[in-house]
Amino acid sequence: MLQVKVWGNNQNNHVMTYALLDSAAATSLCADCLLSNLGLVVDKTQAEILIATANCDRCHQKTGGLNVQGVNETKSFVIPESYVVKQLADVSGHIPRQEVAKSNPDSQNLKIPQLPVENIELLIA
């Protein structure tokens, strides 16, 4: 997970949020509250998406052109299409904790942020 800046067509109208990078995902997802905060319009669609934490999520909306930039990055990239869900799954139980990192010699020096679940608004495939 990482903190990112997200915007649509206007970089001045951006939202800072947390995103989950999922290399196994075939589709990017965003929470509807992220789009509301950005004031973006969505397209109607019909899609069934299999999600690891649920049998199926029926998506009736999608959006295109979400610009994403890491907090300490100078360049951004575009997610060309993202399906809109009510909320993303609670993945907090899968986030490594600082106390676990300290117990492993290979990760003792890692600084692992503790993130509020309600701020995870974007899954990037």
Protein backbone atom coordinates (compact mmCIF):
# COMPACT_ATOMS: atom_id res chain seq x y z
CA MET A 1 0.00 0.00 0.00
CA LEU A 2 1.12 3.49 -0.66
CA GLN A 3 -0.13 7.02 -0.39
CA VAL A 4 -0.99 8.54 -3.75
CA LYS A 5 -2.37 11.72 -5.26
CA VAL A 6 -5.31 11.03 -7.59
CA TRP A 7 -7.08 13.39 -10.02
CA GLY A 8 -9.21 13.37 -13.14
CA ASN A 9 -8.77 16.08 -15.78
CA ASN A 10 -7.76 18.82 -13.35
CA GLN A 11 -4.60 18.23 -11.31
CA ASN A 12 -5.55 21.11 -9.00
CA ASN A 13 -8.62 19.10 -7.93
CA HIS A 14 -6.85 16.09 -6.42
CA VAL A 15 -7.34 13.73 -3.49
CA MET A 16 -4.64 12.17 -1.33
CA THR A 17 -5.54 8.58 -0.54
CA TYR A 18 -4.10 5.13 -0.09
CA ALA A 19 -3.88 2.68 -2.96
CA LEU A 20 -3.23 -1.02 -3.01
CA LEU A 21 -1.04 -2.34 -5.82
CA ASP A 22 -2.23 -5.80 -6.83
CA SER A 23 -0.07 -7.49 -9.44
CA ALA A 24 -2.49 -10.44 -9.59
CA ALA A 25 -5.51 -8.27 -10.39
CA ALA A 26 -6.75 -7.91 -13.95
CA THR A 27 -8.99 -4.93 -13.23
CA SER A 28 -8.50 -1.70 -11.31
CA LEU A 29 -11.19 -0.77 -8.77
CA CYS A 30 -12.00 2.48 -7.04
CA ALA A 31 -14.38 3.31 -4.22
CA ASP A 32 -17.34 5.49 -5.15
CA CYS A 33 -16.39 7.97 -2.41
CA LEU A 34 -13.10 8.68 -4.25
CA LEU A 35 -14.99 9.66 -7.40
CA SER A 36 -17.43 11.75 -5.36
CA ASN A 37 -14.53 13.61 -3.74
CA LEU A 38 -13.06 14.25 -7.19
CA GLY A 39 -16.42 15.24 -8.69
CA LEU A 40 -15.97 12.80 -11.57
CA VAL A 41 -18.77 11.50 -13.78
CA VAL A 42 -19.07 7.75 -14.25
CA ASP A 43 -20.25 5.66 -17.17
CA LYS A 44 -22.93 3.01 -16.73
CA THR A 45 -21.79 -0.56 -17.35
CA GLN A 46 -22.60 -4.15 -16.46
CA ALA A 47 -19.76 -6.28 -15.10
CA GLU A 48 -19.30 -9.08 -12.61
CA ILE A 49 -15.91 -9.06 -10.97
CA LEU A 50 -14.54 -11.89 -8.86
CA ILE A 51 -12.94 -10.60 -5.69
CA ALA A 52 -10.87 -12.77 -3.37
CA THR A 53 -12.81 -11.67 -0.30
CA ALA A 54 -16.25 -12.19 -1.84
CA ASN A 55 -17.93 -14.36 -4.45
CA CYS A 56 -18.74 -11.61 -6.88
CA ASP A 57 -19.20 -7.89 -6.97
CA ARG A 58 -21.62 -6.49 -9.54
CA CYS A 59 -20.30 -3.25 -10.95
CA HIS A 60 -22.72 -0.88 -12.62
CA GLN A 61 -20.31 2.01 -13.10
CA LYS A 62 -16.83 2.60 -14.45
CA THR A 63 -14.62 5.59 -14.94
CA GLY A 64 -11.64 6.34 -17.11
CA GLY A 65 -8.63 8.55 -16.92
CA LEU A 66 -7.65 8.48 -13.26
CA ASN A 67 -4.23 10.10 -12.91
CA VAL A 68 -2.10 8.68 -10.10
CA GLN A 69 1.14 10.01 -8.65
CA GLY A 70 3.19 8.72 -5.73
CA VAL A 71 3.81 11.20 -2.93
CA ASN A 72 7.54 11.52 -3.59
CA GLU A 73 7.36 11.04 -7.35
CA THR A 74 7.64 13.63 -10.11
CA LYS A 75 5.84 11.58 -12.77
CA SER A 76 2.30 10.30 -12.82
CA PHE A 77 0.52 7.55 -14.72
CA VAL A 78 -3.02 7.07 -15.96
CA ILE A 79 -5.36 4.22 -15.06
CA PRO A 80 -7.32 4.06 -18.32
CA GLU A 81 -10.36 2.29 -16.84
CA SER A 82 -11.50 1.56 -13.31
CA TYR A 83 -14.66 -0.12 -12.08
CA VAL A 84 -16.51 1.58 -9.26
CA VAL A 85 -17.45 -0.34 -6.11
CA LYS A 86 -19.24 0.82 -2.96
CA GLN A 87 -16.12 0.18 -0.92
CA LEU A 88 -12.97 -1.82 -1.27
CA ALA A 89 -12.39 -4.88 0.85
CA ASP A 90 -10.92 -4.47 4.30
CA VAL A 91 -7.34 -5.61 3.74
CA SER A 92 -5.98 -4.38 7.05
CA GLY A 93 -5.53 -7.95 8.29
CA HIS A 94 -3.08 -8.57 5.44
CA ILE A 95 -0.89 -5.55 6.07
CA PRO A 96 2.44 -6.39 7.71
CA ARG A 97 2.74 -4.74 11.10
CA GLN A 98 5.81 -3.01 12.49
CA GLU A 99 6.16 -5.58 15.28
CA VAL A 100 6.26 -8.39 12.70
CA ALA A 101 8.90 -6.55 10.65
CA LYS A 102 11.10 -6.11 13.73
CA SER A 103 11.08 -9.86 14.39
CA ASN A 104 12.54 -10.66 10.94
CA PRO A 105 16.23 -9.83 10.34
CA ASP A 106 15.57 -8.99 6.67
CA SER A 107 12.90 -6.40 7.46
CA GLN A 108 13.98 -4.93 10.80
CA ASN A 109 14.70 -1.50 9.30
CA LEU A 110 11.45 -1.19 7.35
CA LYS A 111 9.04 1.53 8.38
CA ILE A 112 5.55 0.19 7.84
CA PRO A 113 2.74 2.76 7.97
CA GLN A 114 -0.43 1.89 9.86
CA LEU A 115 -3.24 2.98 7.59
CA PRO A 116 -6.88 3.67 8.40
CA VAL A 117 -9.00 1.20 6.43
CA GLU A 118 -11.48 3.83 5.27
CA ASN A 119 -8.73 5.57 3.29
CA ILE A 120 -8.07 2.62 0.97
CA GLU A 121 -9.96 3.88 -2.07
CA LEU A 122 -8.04 2.55 -5.06
CA LEU A 123 -6.88 -0.90 -6.16
CA ILE A 124 -4.41 -0.66 -9.03
CA ALA A 125 -4.10 -3.70 -11.29
